[in-house]
Amino acid sequence: MAISVRENALDNSRLDILQAAAKCFMERGYAAASIDEVARSL
């Protein structure tokens, strides 16, 4: 089954968010990281 363009874009967005969150967690720690900080880094 082929993956649609929309599904591929959603997967890429998820990956971008996870990578941004991981970067924030590494830099500031889990407790100090915020959703706003993750969003700003996207």
N, C-alpha and C. Protein backbone atom coordinates (compact mmCIF):
# COMPACT_ATOMS: atom_id res chain seq x y z
N MET A 1 0.84 -1.18 0.00
CA MET A 1 0.00 0.00 0.00
C MET A 1 0.89 1.24 0.00
N ALA A 2 0.60 2.16 -0.88
CA ALA A 2 1.38 3.39 -1.00
C ALA A 2 0.97 4.38 0.09
N ILE A 3 1.94 5.13 0.56
CA ILE A 3 1.69 6.17 1.56
C ILE A 3 1.29 7.45 0.82
N SER A 4 0.20 8.06 1.26
CA SER A 4 -0.27 9.28 0.61
C SER A 4 0.65 10.45 0.95
N VAL A 5 0.56 11.48 0.17
CA VAL A 5 1.36 12.69 0.39
C VAL A 5 1.02 13.28 1.75
N ARG A 6 -0.26 13.28 2.10
CA ARG A 6 -0.70 13.84 3.39
C ARG A 6 -0.11 13.04 4.56
N GLU A 7 -0.15 11.70 4.47
CA GLU A 7 0.41 10.87 5.53
C GLU A 7 1.91 11.11 5.67
N ASN A 8 2.59 11.27 4.55
CA ASN A 8 4.02 11.53 4.57
C ASN A 8 4.31 12.87 5.23
N ALA A 9 3.52 13.89 4.93
CA ALA A 9 3.70 15.21 5.54
C ALA A 9 3.46 15.15 7.04
N LEU A 10 2.44 14.40 7.47
CA LEU A 10 2.17 14.26 8.90
C LEU A 10 3.31 13.55 9.61
N ASP A 11 3.85 12.51 8.98
CA ASP A 11 4.98 11.79 9.57
C ASP A 11 6.18 12.72 9.72
N ASN A 12 6.42 13.55 8.70
CA ASN A 12 7.54 14.49 8.76
C ASN A 12 7.32 15.52 9.86
N SER A 13 6.09 15.99 10.02
CA SER A 13 5.79 16.96 11.08
C SER A 13 6.02 16.35 12.46
N ARG A 14 5.56 15.11 12.63
CA ARG A 14 5.78 14.42 13.91
C ARG A 14 7.26 14.30 14.22
N LEU A 15 8.02 13.91 13.22
CA LEU A 15 9.46 13.75 13.40
C LEU A 15 10.11 15.07 13.77
N ASP A 16 9.73 16.15 13.10
CA ASP A 16 10.27 17.48 13.41
C ASP A 16 9.97 17.87 14.86
N ILE A 17 8.74 17.62 15.31
CA ILE A 17 8.36 17.96 16.68
C ILE A 17 9.15 17.13 17.68
N LEU A 18 9.28 15.83 17.43
CA LEU A 18 10.04 14.97 18.34
C LEU A 18 11.51 15.38 18.41
N GLN A 19 12.08 15.74 17.28
CA GLN A 19 13.48 16.18 17.28
C GLN A 19 13.65 17.50 18.02
N ALA A 20 12.72 18.42 17.85
CA ALA A 20 12.78 19.70 18.55
C ALA A 20 12.64 19.49 20.06
N ALA A 21 11.73 18.61 20.45
CA ALA A 21 11.54 18.32 21.88
C ALA A 21 12.79 17.67 22.46
N ALA A 22 13.37 16.73 21.76
CA ALA A 22 14.58 16.07 22.25
C ALA A 22 15.71 17.07 22.43
N LYS A 23 15.84 18.00 21.50
CA LYS A 23 16.88 19.02 21.61
C LYS A 23 16.66 19.89 22.84
N CYS A 24 15.41 20.32 23.07
CA CYS A 24 15.09 21.14 24.25
C CYS A 24 15.36 20.36 25.53
N PHE A 25 14.99 19.09 25.56
CA PHE A 25 15.22 18.27 26.75
C PHE A 25 16.71 18.13 27.03
N MET A 26 17.51 17.94 25.99
CA MET A 26 18.95 17.79 26.17
C MET A 26 19.58 19.09 26.66
N GLU A 27 19.11 20.21 26.14
CA GLU A 27 19.71 21.50 26.50
C GLU A 27 19.27 22.00 27.88
N ARG A 28 17.98 21.80 28.23
CA ARG A 28 17.44 22.39 29.47
C ARG A 28 17.01 21.36 30.50
N GLY A 29 16.91 20.10 30.09
CA GLY A 29 16.39 19.08 30.99
C GLY A 29 14.89 18.95 30.83
N TYR A 30 14.38 17.79 31.15
CA TYR A 30 12.95 17.51 30.96
C TYR A 30 12.07 18.46 31.76
N ALA A 31 12.41 18.68 33.02
CA ALA A 31 11.57 19.50 33.90
C ALA A 31 11.56 20.97 33.49
N ALA A 32 12.63 21.46 32.90
CA ALA A 32 12.73 22.88 32.56
C ALA A 32 12.25 23.19 31.14
N ALA A 33 12.11 22.18 30.31
CA ALA A 33 11.67 22.40 28.93
C ALA A 33 10.17 22.72 28.91
N SER A 34 9.76 23.50 27.93
CA SER A 34 8.34 23.85 27.82
C SER A 34 7.85 23.64 26.39
N ILE A 35 6.54 23.50 26.26
CA ILE A 35 5.93 23.36 24.94
C ILE A 35 6.21 24.61 24.10
N ASP A 36 6.15 25.78 24.73
CA ASP A 36 6.44 27.03 24.01
C ASP A 36 7.85 27.02 23.44
N GLU A 37 8.79 26.54 24.21
CA GLU A 37 10.18 26.48 23.75
C GLU A 37 10.32 25.51 22.58
N VAL A 38 9.66 24.37 22.67
CA VAL A 38 9.69 23.40 21.57
C VAL A 38 9.08 24.03 20.31
N ALA A 39 7.95 24.70 20.47
CA ALA A 39 7.28 25.32 19.32
C ALA A 39 8.14 26.41 18.69
N ARG A 40 8.82 27.20 19.52
CA ARG A 40 9.68 28.27 18.98
C ARG A 40 10.85 27.70 18.19
N SER A 41 11.30 26.51 18.54
CA SER A 41 12.46 25.95 17.87
C SER A 41 12.11 25.25 16.55
N LEU A 42 10.83 25.16 16.25
CA LEU A 42 10.42 24.53 14.98
C LEU A 42 10.62 25.46 13.81
